């Protein structure tokens, strides 16, 4: 393991780094699972959001902009892009859906020998950098609503001059 898994359900899923406990999963609540592996010294990081049972309208309303933000960021990320612009790719999609304040962390971070490395794709100008070819970064937009829960989707991508290659992908995303 690259880090202790994060499993958060219901209202707990509104806390991006919630530690698992004895919460009983309930139908209709979001469940965020964030896992990391280590192989030959290198780390991996992936997050998915699930729901037990059929998704209700609230889950669909929250899940959809997060997925759209991830798709847009993965399609437009590339080496040479300013990290503030990279973060904005997803942040603008979530803000346009009316949830700008509910995306409280950066779009992603580097992954390599440590699970959290440079570069950061953050809205913070102090962390600004130019994304370099060959960097492996996460693309993990999230939306967190106190009292309801959250949705986060995280893939790892390899930055190239002409785009980003998604290195891990879960193909059965919810489609409505």
Protein backbone atom coordinates (compact mmCIF):
# COMPACT_ATOMS: atom_id res chain seq x y z
CA UNK A 1 0.00 0.00 0.00
CA UNK A 2 1.20 3.52 -0.77
CA UNK A 3 -0.97 4.94 2.05
CA UNK A 4 -3.76 3.76 4.35
CA UNK A 5 -6.97 3.50 2.32
CA UNK A 6 -9.64 6.15 2.69
CA UNK A 7 -13.17 4.79 2.80
CA UNK A 8 -15.85 7.35 3.57
CA UNK A 9 -19.61 6.98 3.25
CA UNK A 10 -22.61 9.20 3.74
CA UNK A 11 -21.82 12.54 5.36
CA UNK A 12 -18.26 11.32 6.03
CA UNK A 13 -17.58 11.41 2.29
CA UNK A 14 -17.71 15.22 2.48
CA UNK A 15 -14.31 15.05 4.27
CA UNK A 16 -11.64 14.33 1.62
CA UNK A 17 -9.26 12.58 4.06
CA UNK A 18 -11.76 10.86 6.33
CA UNK A 19 -10.36 7.86 8.19
CA UNK A 20 -12.43 4.64 8.07
CA UNK A 21 -14.35 3.71 11.19
CA UNK A 22 -17.35 1.63 12.12
CA UNK A 23 -19.91 3.57 10.07
CA UNK A 24 -22.54 1.26 8.60
CA UNK A 25 -23.03 1.72 4.85
CA UNK A 26 -26.55 2.68 3.82
CA UNK A 27 -28.32 2.46 0.49
CA UNK A 28 -28.46 5.72 -1.40
CA UNK A 29 -25.38 7.32 0.19
CA UNK A 30 -22.14 8.13 -1.62
CA UNK A 31 -19.11 5.98 -0.80
CA UNK A 32 -15.64 7.31 -1.63
CA UNK A 33 -12.79 4.79 -1.81
CA UNK A 34 -9.23 6.15 -2.23
CA UNK A 35 -6.51 3.50 -2.61
CA UNK A 36 -2.82 3.55 -3.32
CA UNK A 37 -0.42 0.79 -4.25
CA UNK A 38 3.37 0.64 -4.38
CA UNK A 39 5.28 -1.44 -6.93
CA UNK A 40 9.06 -1.45 -7.37
CA UNK A 41 9.24 1.72 -5.26
CA UNK A 42 6.68 3.67 -7.32
CA UNK A 43 3.26 4.72 -6.07
CA UNK A 44 -0.20 4.66 -7.58
CA UNK A 45 -3.29 6.53 -6.44
CA UNK A 46 -6.92 6.07 -7.50
CA UNK A 47 -10.27 7.22 -6.10
CA UNK A 48 -13.76 6.18 -7.06
CA UNK A 49 -17.20 7.08 -5.76
CA UNK A 50 -19.94 4.49 -5.56
CA UNK A 51 -23.47 4.25 -4.27
CA UNK A 52 -25.35 1.26 -2.89
CA UNK A 53 -28.51 0.78 -4.88
CA UNK A 54 -29.83 3.01 -7.62
CA UNK A 55 -28.58 6.59 -7.61
CA UNK A 56 -31.10 9.25 -6.68
CA UNK A 57 -31.36 12.65 -8.37
CA UNK A 58 -29.06 14.30 -5.79
CA UNK A 59 -26.28 11.77 -6.43
CA UNK A 60 -26.64 12.25 -10.20
CA UNK A 61 -26.63 16.04 -9.77
CA UNK A 62 -23.33 15.91 -7.83
CA UNK A 63 -21.62 13.06 -9.71
CA UNK A 64 -22.20 14.48 -13.21
CA UNK A 65 -20.20 17.75 -12.92
CA UNK A 66 -17.34 15.92 -11.20
CA UNK A 67 -17.15 13.42 -14.05
CA UNK A 68 -17.43 16.18 -16.67
CA UNK A 69 -14.62 18.09 -14.91
CA UNK A 70 -12.41 14.99 -14.93
CA UNK A 71 -13.09 14.29 -18.62
CA UNK A 72 -12.31 17.90 -19.59
CA UNK A 73 -9.10 18.02 -17.56
CA UNK A 74 -7.85 14.69 -18.91
CA UNK A 75 -8.63 15.79 -22.47
CA UNK A 76 -6.85 19.16 -22.18
CA UNK A 77 -3.91 18.54 -19.84
CA UNK A 78 -0.48 18.50 -21.46
CA UNK A 79 3.15 19.19 -20.71
CA UNK A 80 3.96 22.90 -20.93
CA UNK A 81 0.64 23.98 -19.42
CA UNK A 82 0.72 26.36 -16.46
CA UNK A 83 -0.42 24.57 -13.29
CA UNK A 84 -2.98 27.29 -12.47
CA UNK A 85 -4.53 26.82 -15.91
CA UNK A 86 -4.50 23.05 -15.40
CA UNK A 87 -6.42 23.37 -12.13
CA UNK A 88 -8.88 25.75 -13.78
CA UNK A 89 -9.82 23.14 -16.41
CA UNK A 90 -11.84 21.19 -13.85
CA UNK A 91 -12.62 24.02 -11.42
CA UNK A 92 -14.49 25.98 -14.12
CA UNK A 93 -16.75 23.01 -14.91
CA UNK A 94 -17.67 22.55 -11.24
CA UNK A 95 -18.17 26.30 -10.74
CA UNK A 96 -20.42 26.49 -13.82
CA UNK A 97 -22.59 23.79 -12.24
CA UNK A 98 -22.99 26.04 -9.19
CA UNK A 99 -20.61 24.21 -6.85
CA UNK A 100 -17.41 26.28 -7.03
CA UNK A 101 -17.06 26.57 -3.24
CA UNK A 102 -17.56 22.81 -2.79
CA UNK A 103 -14.31 21.91 -4.64
CA UNK A 104 -11.92 22.56 -1.76
CA UNK A 105 -8.68 20.95 -2.92
CA UNK A 106 -6.41 21.11 -5.93
CA UNK A 107 -7.07 19.26 -9.18
CA UNK A 108 -4.13 16.97 -8.56
CA UNK A 109 -0.57 16.27 -7.58
CA UNK A 110 2.48 14.46 -8.82
CA UNK A 111 2.90 10.75 -8.04
CA UNK A 112 6.17 8.85 -8.15
CA UNK A 113 8.43 7.58 -5.38
CA UNK A 114 6.03 9.33 -2.99
CA UNK A 115 2.26 9.39 -3.37
CA UNK A 116 2.24 13.21 -3.14
CA UNK A 117 5.00 14.96 -5.10
CA UNK A 118 5.42 18.01 -7.27
CA UNK A 119 3.95 19.29 -9.41
CA UNK A 120 0.76 20.52 -7.79
CA UNK A 121 -2.13 21.54 -10.01
CA UNK A 122 -3.54 24.00 -7.51
CA UNK A 123 -5.37 27.33 -7.61
CA UNK A 124 -2.71 28.67 -5.20
CA UNK A 125 -0.35 31.04 -7.07
CA UNK A 126 2.44 30.18 -4.61
CA UNK A 127 2.48 26.62 -5.96
CA UNK A 128 2.51 27.74 -9.61
CA UNK A 129 4.73 25.84 -12.03
CA UNK A 130 4.88 24.72 -15.64
CA UNK A 131 3.92 21.06 -16.08
CA UNK A 132 6.80 18.99 -17.45
CA UNK A 133 6.70 16.17 -19.97
CA UNK A 134 7.09 12.79 -18.30
CA UNK A 135 5.39 13.89 -15.08
CA UNK A 136 2.77 11.56 -13.66
CA UNK A 137 -0.04 13.47 -11.97
CA UNK A 138 -3.45 12.76 -10.54
CA UNK A 139 -6.63 14.26 -11.94
CA UNK A 140 -9.04 14.23 -9.01
CA UNK A 141 -11.86 16.73 -9.06
CA UNK A 142 -14.17 16.49 -6.09
CA UNK A 143 -17.33 18.03 -4.81
CA UNK A 144 -18.13 17.95 -1.08
CA UNK A 145 -21.42 19.02 0.52
CA UNK A 146 -21.62 19.16 4.31
CA UNK A 147 -24.64 17.23 5.52
CA UNK A 148 -24.87 15.12 2.36
CA UNK A 149 -21.47 13.78 1.35
CA UNK A 150 -19.07 13.97 -1.54
CA UNK A 151 -17.96 12.66 -4.90
CA UNK A 152 -14.33 12.38 -6.00
CA UNK A 153 -12.94 10.66 -9.08
CA UNK A 154 -9.18 10.21 -9.44
CA UNK A 155 -7.09 8.89 -12.29
CA UNK A 156 -3.35 9.08 -12.86
CA UNK A 157 -2.09 10.54 -16.13
CA UNK A 158 1.28 10.77 -17.87
CA UNK A 159 1.88 14.27 -19.22
CA UNK A 160 3.12 14.48 -22.81
CA UNK A 161 3.65 17.51 -25.06
CA UNK A 162 0.52 16.64 -27.04
CA UNK A 163 -1.76 15.61 -24.16
CA UNK A 164 -2.20 13.33 -21.19
CA UNK A 165 -2.28 9.55 -21.26
CA UNK A 166 -4.70 8.14 -18.68
CA UNK A 167 -2.88 5.35 -16.86
CA UNK A 168 -5.77 3.90 -14.89
CA UNK A 169 -9.40 3.93 -15.78
CA UNK A 170 -12.59 2.45 -14.47
CA UNK A 171 -14.88 2.00 -17.43
CA UNK A 172 -18.22 1.44 -15.73
CA UNK A 173 -18.96 5.03 -14.70
CA UNK A 174 -22.55 5.70 -13.97
CA UNK A 175 -24.48 6.77 -17.04
CA UNK A 176 -27.99 8.13 -16.87
